Amino acid sequence: MRAIEIREPGGPEVLTLTTRDRPVPGAGELLVKVAAAGVNRPDCLQRQGAYPPPKGASDIPGLEIAGEVADVGAGVTRFKQGDQVCALVAGGGYAEFCTVNETNALPAPRGLTMVEAAAIPETFFTVWHNVFQRGGLRAGETFLVHGGTSGIGTTAIQLAKAFGAKVLATAGSETKCAAMRDLGADLAINYREEDFVAAVKQATDGKGADLILDMVGGEYINRNYQAAAVEGRIVQIAFLKGRMAEADFSLLMMKRLTHTGSTLRARDIAFKALIAEELHRQVWPLLSDRKVLPVMDSIFPLDQAAAAHQRMEDGDHIGKIVLDVS
């Protein structure tokens, strides 16, 4: 099969089209003929040598796929050959075939293309766990998401609105702010032109945000403490501006804040299966009814994976970048 491998740690140019043996599904696994694979920032980190795959996972990058079940391993009961699925994988997505435990796969939502379906798993699993399970977002609360036009951000805006939250979001241009408003954000904050802390306070009559989803880190950590409401929660999912910060921890105490965080890739199959079950029950109907959709930025053929990574790193994208593997 054709696949993309990382020749050595480095820039997008180290992504190389190669030929690999087709994987064989083990017990409980599906072999998926991949139609499309999502491109995510963790893929870029892996390419740079900063985010190695967990033990036992493929060294081929790619954390989400969509396609047709080509074969099944022993004991598989949920899917059969020919079913169209999308799936969260720990690696191996940038290839013509990929294996996944059947519990980490979901039926491709009705009415969506395979390219759209491939843009769902990584962001929707991440948002559901960190915003709703870990972050505990409830209807009527105020939710602030940084990086509102990323794949995570566009998903978080839509899901938070769908479940009744007031949504504030940050981005770095007026074009991106307009896109966030189109997705349902109640307030789009251009962080290059205004202080998001002041904007959040003004939008909430001084109360602050009940929940903040942050992928920026660095100086944002202290500013998130300032922007959070009393008893507010902050969930950390990345550190685009650095994992080290100086913060006034008295705010953590005085406001009784909760600052937590998580990574998803290294979690076990059973944990991801629980997220998949909740998504299928609570979010899949919204996708099938097109009330929530992946926002598509650009599509690249598999052999242009390097260009897809460059698009990601340039930071101009709005929504998801996907590789067409068909």
Protein backbone atom coordinates (compact mmCIF):
# COMPACT_ATOMS: atom_id res chain seq x y z
CA MET A 1 0.00 0.00 0.00
CA ARG A 2 0.99 3.66 -0.39
CA ALA A 3 1.77 5.45 2.84
CA ILE A 4 3.49 8.56 4.13
CA GLU A 5 6.48 8.07 6.39
CA ILE A 6 8.61 10.52 8.34
CA ARG A 7 12.09 10.20 6.84
CA GLU A 8 13.70 12.00 9.77
CA PRO A 9 12.62 14.69 12.25
CA GLY A 10 12.22 18.03 10.50
CA GLY A 11 10.01 20.28 8.41
CA PRO A 12 7.15 19.26 6.10
CA GLU A 13 9.64 18.19 3.43
CA VAL A 14 10.60 15.09 5.45
CA LEU A 15 7.21 13.54 4.74
CA THR A 16 7.86 10.93 2.07
CA LEU A 17 5.55 8.77 -0.01
CA THR A 18 6.57 5.15 0.34
CA THR A 19 5.26 1.60 0.05
CA ARG A 20 4.44 -0.42 3.15
CA ASP A 21 2.93 -3.85 3.77
CA ARG A 22 -0.81 -3.80 4.24
CA PRO A 23 -1.61 -4.24 7.97
CA VAL A 24 -3.54 -7.31 9.12
CA PRO A 25 -6.45 -6.81 11.54
CA GLY A 26 -6.05 -8.51 14.89
CA ALA A 27 -8.79 -9.72 17.22
CA GLY A 28 -11.48 -7.07 17.57
CA GLU A 29 -9.98 -4.92 14.81
CA LEU A 30 -11.18 -3.57 11.49
CA LEU A 31 -9.02 -3.15 8.41
CA VAL A 32 -10.22 0.07 6.80
CA LYS A 33 -9.56 0.96 3.17
CA VAL A 34 -8.85 4.60 3.84
CA ALA A 35 -10.65 7.15 1.65
CA ALA A 36 -9.46 10.21 3.56
CA ALA A 37 -7.37 11.10 6.61
CA GLY A 38 -7.49 14.21 8.76
CA VAL A 39 -4.39 16.35 9.32
CA ASN A 40 -3.90 17.60 12.87
CA ARG A 41 -1.30 19.61 14.75
CA PRO A 42 -0.11 16.53 16.69
CA ASP A 43 0.90 15.09 13.31
CA CYS A 44 3.19 18.09 12.83
CA LEU A 45 4.65 17.57 16.29
CA GLN A 46 5.29 13.90 15.52
CA ARG A 47 7.00 14.90 12.28
CA GLN A 48 9.27 17.24 14.26
CA GLY A 49 10.20 14.43 16.66
CA ALA A 50 8.31 15.96 19.58
CA TYR A 51 5.31 13.62 19.82
CA PRO A 52 6.24 9.97 19.29
CA PRO A 53 3.51 7.39 18.78
CA PRO A 54 2.54 5.34 21.83
CA LYS A 55 3.98 1.86 22.22
CA GLY A 56 2.52 -0.54 19.69
CA ALA A 57 1.10 2.16 17.40
CA SER A 58 2.14 2.61 13.78
CA ASP A 59 4.95 5.06 13.07
CA ILE A 60 2.93 6.32 10.08
CA PRO A 61 1.33 9.65 11.06
CA GLY A 62 -2.41 10.24 11.04
CA LEU A 63 -4.89 10.12 13.92
CA GLU A 64 -8.26 10.01 12.13
CA ILE A 65 -9.58 8.25 9.07
CA ALA A 66 -12.71 7.50 7.10
CA GLY A 67 -13.27 4.72 4.62
CA GLU A 68 -14.74 1.30 3.96
CA VAL A 69 -14.24 -1.81 6.06
CA ALA A 70 -12.10 -4.15 3.91
CA ASP A 71 -11.66 -6.97 6.42
CA VAL A 72 -12.39 -7.80 10.05
CA GLY A 73 -10.46 -9.62 12.73
CA ALA A 74 -11.69 -12.38 15.01
CA GLY A 75 -14.57 -11.48 17.28
CA VAL A 76 -15.71 -8.33 15.47
CA THR A 77 -19.45 -7.85 15.87
CA ARG A 78 -20.20 -4.16 15.29
CA PHE A 79 -19.16 -3.82 11.65
CA LYS A 80 -18.86 -5.94 8.54
CA GLN A 81 -17.04 -5.71 5.23
CA GLY A 82 -18.38 -2.86 3.11
CA ASP A 83 -19.51 -0.66 6.01
CA GLN A 84 -18.48 2.97 5.82
CA VAL A 85 -16.83 4.16 9.03
CA CYS A 86 -14.77 6.93 10.52
CA ALA A 87 -12.34 6.21 13.32
CA LEU A 88 -9.90 7.59 15.85
CA VAL A 89 -6.53 5.84 15.54
CA ALA A 90 -3.27 6.11 17.47
CA GLY A 91 -1.31 6.29 14.20
CA GLY A 92 -1.28 4.94 10.66
CA GLY A 93 -3.87 7.24 9.08
CA TYR A 94 -1.73 8.56 6.21
CA ALA A 95 -1.99 5.30 4.27
CA GLU A 96 -4.28 3.36 1.97
CA PHE A 97 -5.14 0.85 4.71
CA CYS A 98 -5.29 1.23 8.48
CA THR A 99 -6.37 -0.98 11.37
CA VAL A 100 -8.49 0.18 14.30
CA ASN A 101 -10.26 -1.48 17.20
CA GLU A 102 -13.94 -1.65 16.30
CA THR A 103 -14.92 0.20 19.50
CA ASN A 104 -12.96 3.26 18.37
CA ALA A 105 -14.79 3.38 15.04
CA LEU A 106 -18.21 4.86 14.33
CA PRO A 107 -20.55 4.67 11.34
CA ALA A 108 -19.85 7.50 8.91
CA PRO A 109 -22.60 10.05 9.61
CA ARG A 110 -25.46 9.87 7.14
CA GLY A 111 -25.18 12.33 4.27
CA LEU A 112 -21.52 13.28 4.80
CA THR A 113 -18.78 12.58 2.28
CA MET A 114 -15.82 10.44 3.26
CA VAL A 115 -13.63 13.55 3.29
CA GLU A 116 -16.02 15.24 5.72
CA ALA A 117 -16.23 12.09 7.84
CA ALA A 118 -12.42 11.96 8.09
CA ALA A 119 -12.48 15.47 9.58
CA ILE A 120 -14.58 14.37 12.55
CA PRO A 121 -12.93 11.86 14.92
CA GLU A 122 -9.87 13.64 16.36
CA THR A 123 -11.58 16.97 16.92
CA PHE A 124 -14.95 15.65 18.05
CA PHE A 125 -13.44 13.08 20.45
CA THR A 126 -11.13 15.80 21.84
CA VAL A 127 -13.83 18.43 22.24
CA TRP A 128 -16.37 16.05 23.71
CA HIS A 129 -13.96 14.77 26.33
CA ASN A 130 -12.37 18.08 27.28
CA VAL A 131 -15.35 20.42 27.04
CA PHE A 132 -18.22 18.21 28.15
CA GLN A 133 -16.76 15.31 30.13
CA ARG A 134 -13.71 16.89 31.76
CA GLY A 135 -14.84 20.53 31.54
CA GLY A 136 -18.45 19.82 32.50
CA LEU A 137 -19.97 22.52 30.27
CA ARG A 138 -23.66 23.04 30.99
CA ALA A 139 -26.43 24.91 29.20
CA GLY A 140 -26.51 28.57 30.16
CA GLU A 141 -22.80 28.77 31.01
CA THR A 142 -20.28 31.01 29.28
CA PHE A 143 -17.60 29.16 27.33
CA LEU A 144 -14.38 30.70 25.99
CA VAL A 145 -12.34 28.85 23.36
CA HIS A 146 -8.98 30.05 22.10
CA GLY A 147 -7.99 29.28 18.52
CA GLY A 148 -11.60 29.41 17.45
CA THR A 149 -10.93 28.75 13.76
CA SER A 150 -8.78 25.64 14.27
CA GLY A 151 -10.35 22.24 13.78
CA ILE A 152 -10.80 22.01 17.55
CA GLY A 153 -12.12 25.56 17.77
CA THR A 154 -14.71 25.30 15.00
CA THR A 155 -15.98 22.05 16.52
CA ALA A 156 -16.06 23.46 20.04
CA ILE A 157 -18.04 26.54 18.98
CA GLN A 158 -20.70 24.46 17.24
CA LEU A 159 -21.08 21.83 19.95
CA ALA A 160 -21.14 24.36 22.80
CA LYS A 161 -23.88 26.34 21.03
CA ALA A 162 -25.82 23.18 20.20
CA PHE A 163 -25.88 22.27 23.90
CA GLY A 164 -26.99 25.71 25.07
CA ALA A 165 -23.84 27.61 26.11
CA LYS A 166 -22.92 31.22 25.42
CA VAL A 167 -19.78 31.06 23.29
CA LEU A 168 -16.86 33.49 23.20
CA ALA A 169 -13.94 32.74 20.89
CA THR A 170 -10.57 34.25 20.00
CA ALA A 171 -8.71 34.42 16.70
CA GLY A 172 -6.11 36.64 15.03
CA SER A 173 -7.89 38.33 12.11
CA GLU A 174 -11.20 39.86 11.17
CA THR A 175 -11.72 37.18 8.55
CA LYS A 176 -11.38 34.52 11.21
CA CYS A 177 -13.63 36.44 13.59
CA ALA A 178 -16.32 36.59 10.89
CA ALA A 179 -16.01 32.82 10.41
CA MET A 180 -16.47 32.25 14.15
CA ARG A 181 -19.60 34.42 14.20
CA ASP A 182 -20.97 32.45 11.24
CA LEU A 183 -20.51 29.27 13.27
CA GLY A 184 -22.55 30.72 16.13
CA ALA A 185 -20.05 32.43 18.42
CA ASP A 186 -21.81 35.10 20.47
CA LEU A 187 -18.60 37.12 20.63
CA ALA A 188 -15.55 36.88 18.36
CA ILE A 189 -12.44 38.48 19.86
CA ASN A 190 -9.54 39.55 17.64
CA TYR A 191 -6.66 39.02 20.06
CA ARG A 192 -4.34 41.16 17.92
CA GLU A 193 -6.54 44.22 18.44
CA GLU A 194 -8.10 43.79 21.89
CA ASP A 195 -7.34 42.22 25.23
CA PHE A 196 -9.37 39.05 25.49
CA VAL A 197 -9.52 39.33 29.28
CA ALA A 198 -11.20 42.73 29.09
CA ALA A 199 -13.49 41.57 26.29
CA VAL A 200 -14.62 38.53 28.28
CA LYS A 201 -15.25 40.60 31.39
CA GLN A 202 -17.29 43.12 29.41
CA ALA A 203 -19.34 40.41 27.70
CA THR A 204 -20.17 38.78 31.04
CA ASP A 205 -20.82 41.92 33.12
CA GLY A 206 -17.59 41.33 34.99
CA LYS A 207 -18.33 37.70 35.89
CA GLY A 208 -15.88 35.95 33.54
CA ALA A 209 -16.04 32.66 31.66
CA ASP A 210 -17.30 29.52 33.36
CA LEU A 211 -15.16 27.28 31.16
CA ILE A 212 -12.07 28.03 29.07
CA LEU A 213 -10.59 25.64 26.51
CA ASP A 214 -6.96 26.60 25.88
CA MET A 215 -4.49 25.28 23.34
CA VAL A 216 -2.16 28.30 23.54
CA GLY A 217 -0.48 28.07 26.95
CA GLY A 218 2.43 30.39 27.74
CA GLU A 219 1.27 33.83 28.82
CA TYR A 220 -2.35 32.80 28.23
CA ILE A 221 -2.31 30.69 31.39
CA ASN A 222 -2.19 33.68 33.72
CA ARG A 223 -4.61 35.63 31.54
CA ASN A 224 -7.05 32.72 31.60
CA TYR A 225 -7.02 32.89 35.39
CA GLN A 226 -7.96 36.56 35.08
CA ALA A 227 -10.71 35.86 32.54
CA ALA A 228 -12.26 32.96 34.43
CA ALA A 229 -15.32 33.28 36.64
CA VAL A 230 -15.36 32.30 40.29
CA GLU A 231 -15.49 28.46 40.38
CA GLY A 232 -14.42 28.55 36.73
CA ARG A 233 -12.74 25.65 34.95
CA ILE A 234 -9.81 25.80 32.54
CA VAL A 235 -8.92 22.81 30.37
CA GLN A 236 -5.48 22.73 28.75
CA ILE A 237 -5.07 20.69 25.56
CA ALA A 238 -1.91 22.14 23.96
CA PHE A 239 0.88 24.70 24.37
CA LEU A 240 1.34 26.57 21.09
CA LYS A 241 3.03 29.42 22.97
CA GLY A 242 4.99 27.23 25.34
CA ARG A 243 4.48 24.85 28.25
CA MET A 244 6.20 27.09 30.80
CA ALA A 245 4.45 30.11 32.32
CA GLU A 246 4.51 32.57 35.18
CA ALA A 247 1.09 32.81 36.80
CA ASP A 248 -0.52 34.46 39.79
CA PHE A 249 -1.70 31.39 41.66
CA SER A 250 -3.52 33.49 44.23
CA LEU A 251 -6.25 33.78 41.57
CA LEU A 252 -6.50 30.00 41.52
CA MET A 253 -7.20 30.10 45.25
CA MET A 254 -9.34 33.24 45.49
CA LYS A 255 -11.58 32.24 42.57
CA ARG A 256 -11.54 28.53 43.50
CA LEU A 257 -10.55 27.67 39.94
CA THR A 258 -9.99 24.23 38.49
CA HIS A 259 -7.15 23.98 35.96
CA THR A 260 -6.89 20.58 34.34
CA GLY A 261 -5.75 19.12 31.06
CA SER A 262 -5.42 15.98 29.02
CA THR A 263 -3.97 14.25 25.99
CA LEU A 264 -5.96 11.70 24.06
CA ARG A 265 -3.58 9.72 21.87
CA ALA A 266 -2.00 7.65 24.63
CA ARG A 267 -5.28 6.79 26.37
CA ASP A 268 -6.33 3.17 26.11
CA ILE A 269 -8.87 1.70 23.71
CA ALA A 270 -11.53 1.27 26.40
CA PHE A 271 -11.35 4.94 27.39
CA LYS A 272 -11.76 6.08 23.78
CA ALA A 273 -14.62 3.60 23.35
CA LEU A 274 -16.57 5.36 26.11
CA ILE A 275 -16.17 8.68 24.31
CA ALA A 276 -17.27 7.04 21.06
CA GLU A 277 -20.43 5.72 22.70
CA GLU A 278 -21.40 9.15 24.00
CA LEU A 279 -20.66 10.81 20.67
CA HIS A 280 -22.77 8.26 18.81
CA ARG A 281 -25.66 8.82 21.16
CA GLN A 282 -25.55 12.59 21.60
CA VAL A 283 -23.66 14.10 18.65
CA TRP A 284 -24.16 11.77 15.68
CA PRO A 285 -27.83 12.81 15.32
CA LEU A 286 -26.69 16.44 15.07
CA LEU A 287 -24.20 15.52 12.34
CA SER A 288 -26.72 13.46 10.38
CA ASP A 289 -29.21 16.36 10.55
CA ARG A 290 -26.40 18.77 9.51
CA LYS A 291 -26.98 20.91 12.60
CA VAL A 292 -23.26 20.49 13.39
CA LEU A 293 -20.65 19.88 10.69
CA PRO A 294 -16.90 19.71 10.31
CA VAL A 295 -15.64 22.97 8.81
CA MET A 296 -13.51 22.13 5.77
CA ASP A 297 -10.51 24.29 4.94
CA SER A 298 -8.61 22.37 2.26
CA ILE A 299 -8.08 18.94 0.73
CA PHE A 300 -4.72 17.59 -0.48
CA PRO A 301 -3.92 14.29 -2.23
CA LEU A 302 -1.91 11.82 -0.15
CA ASP A 303 1.32 12.51 -2.03
CA GLN A 304 1.04 16.20 -1.07
CA ALA A 305 1.05 15.58 2.68
CA ALA A 306 3.99 17.98 3.00
CA ALA A 307 1.88 20.80 1.51
CA ALA A 308 -0.93 19.94 3.92
CA HIS A 309 1.47 20.25 6.86
CA GLN A 310 2.75 23.55 5.52
CA ARG A 311 -0.83 24.80 5.33
CA MET A 312 -1.33 23.78 8.95
CA GLU A 313 1.86 25.49 10.12
CA ASP A 314 1.20 28.70 8.17
CA GLY A 315 -1.78 29.22 10.49
CA ASP A 316 -4.14 30.67 7.88
CA HIS A 317 -6.52 27.73 7.76
CA ILE A 318 -10.10 27.88 8.99
CA GLY A 319 -11.31 24.42 10.00
CA LYS A 320 -9.98 21.06 8.90
CA ILE A 321 -7.23 20.05 6.49
CA VAL A 322 -7.74 16.59 5.00
CA LEU A 323 -5.75 14.17 2.83
CA ASP A 324 -7.66 12.49 0.01
CA VAL A 325 -6.29 8.93 -0.04
CA SER A 326 -8.67 7.45 -2.63
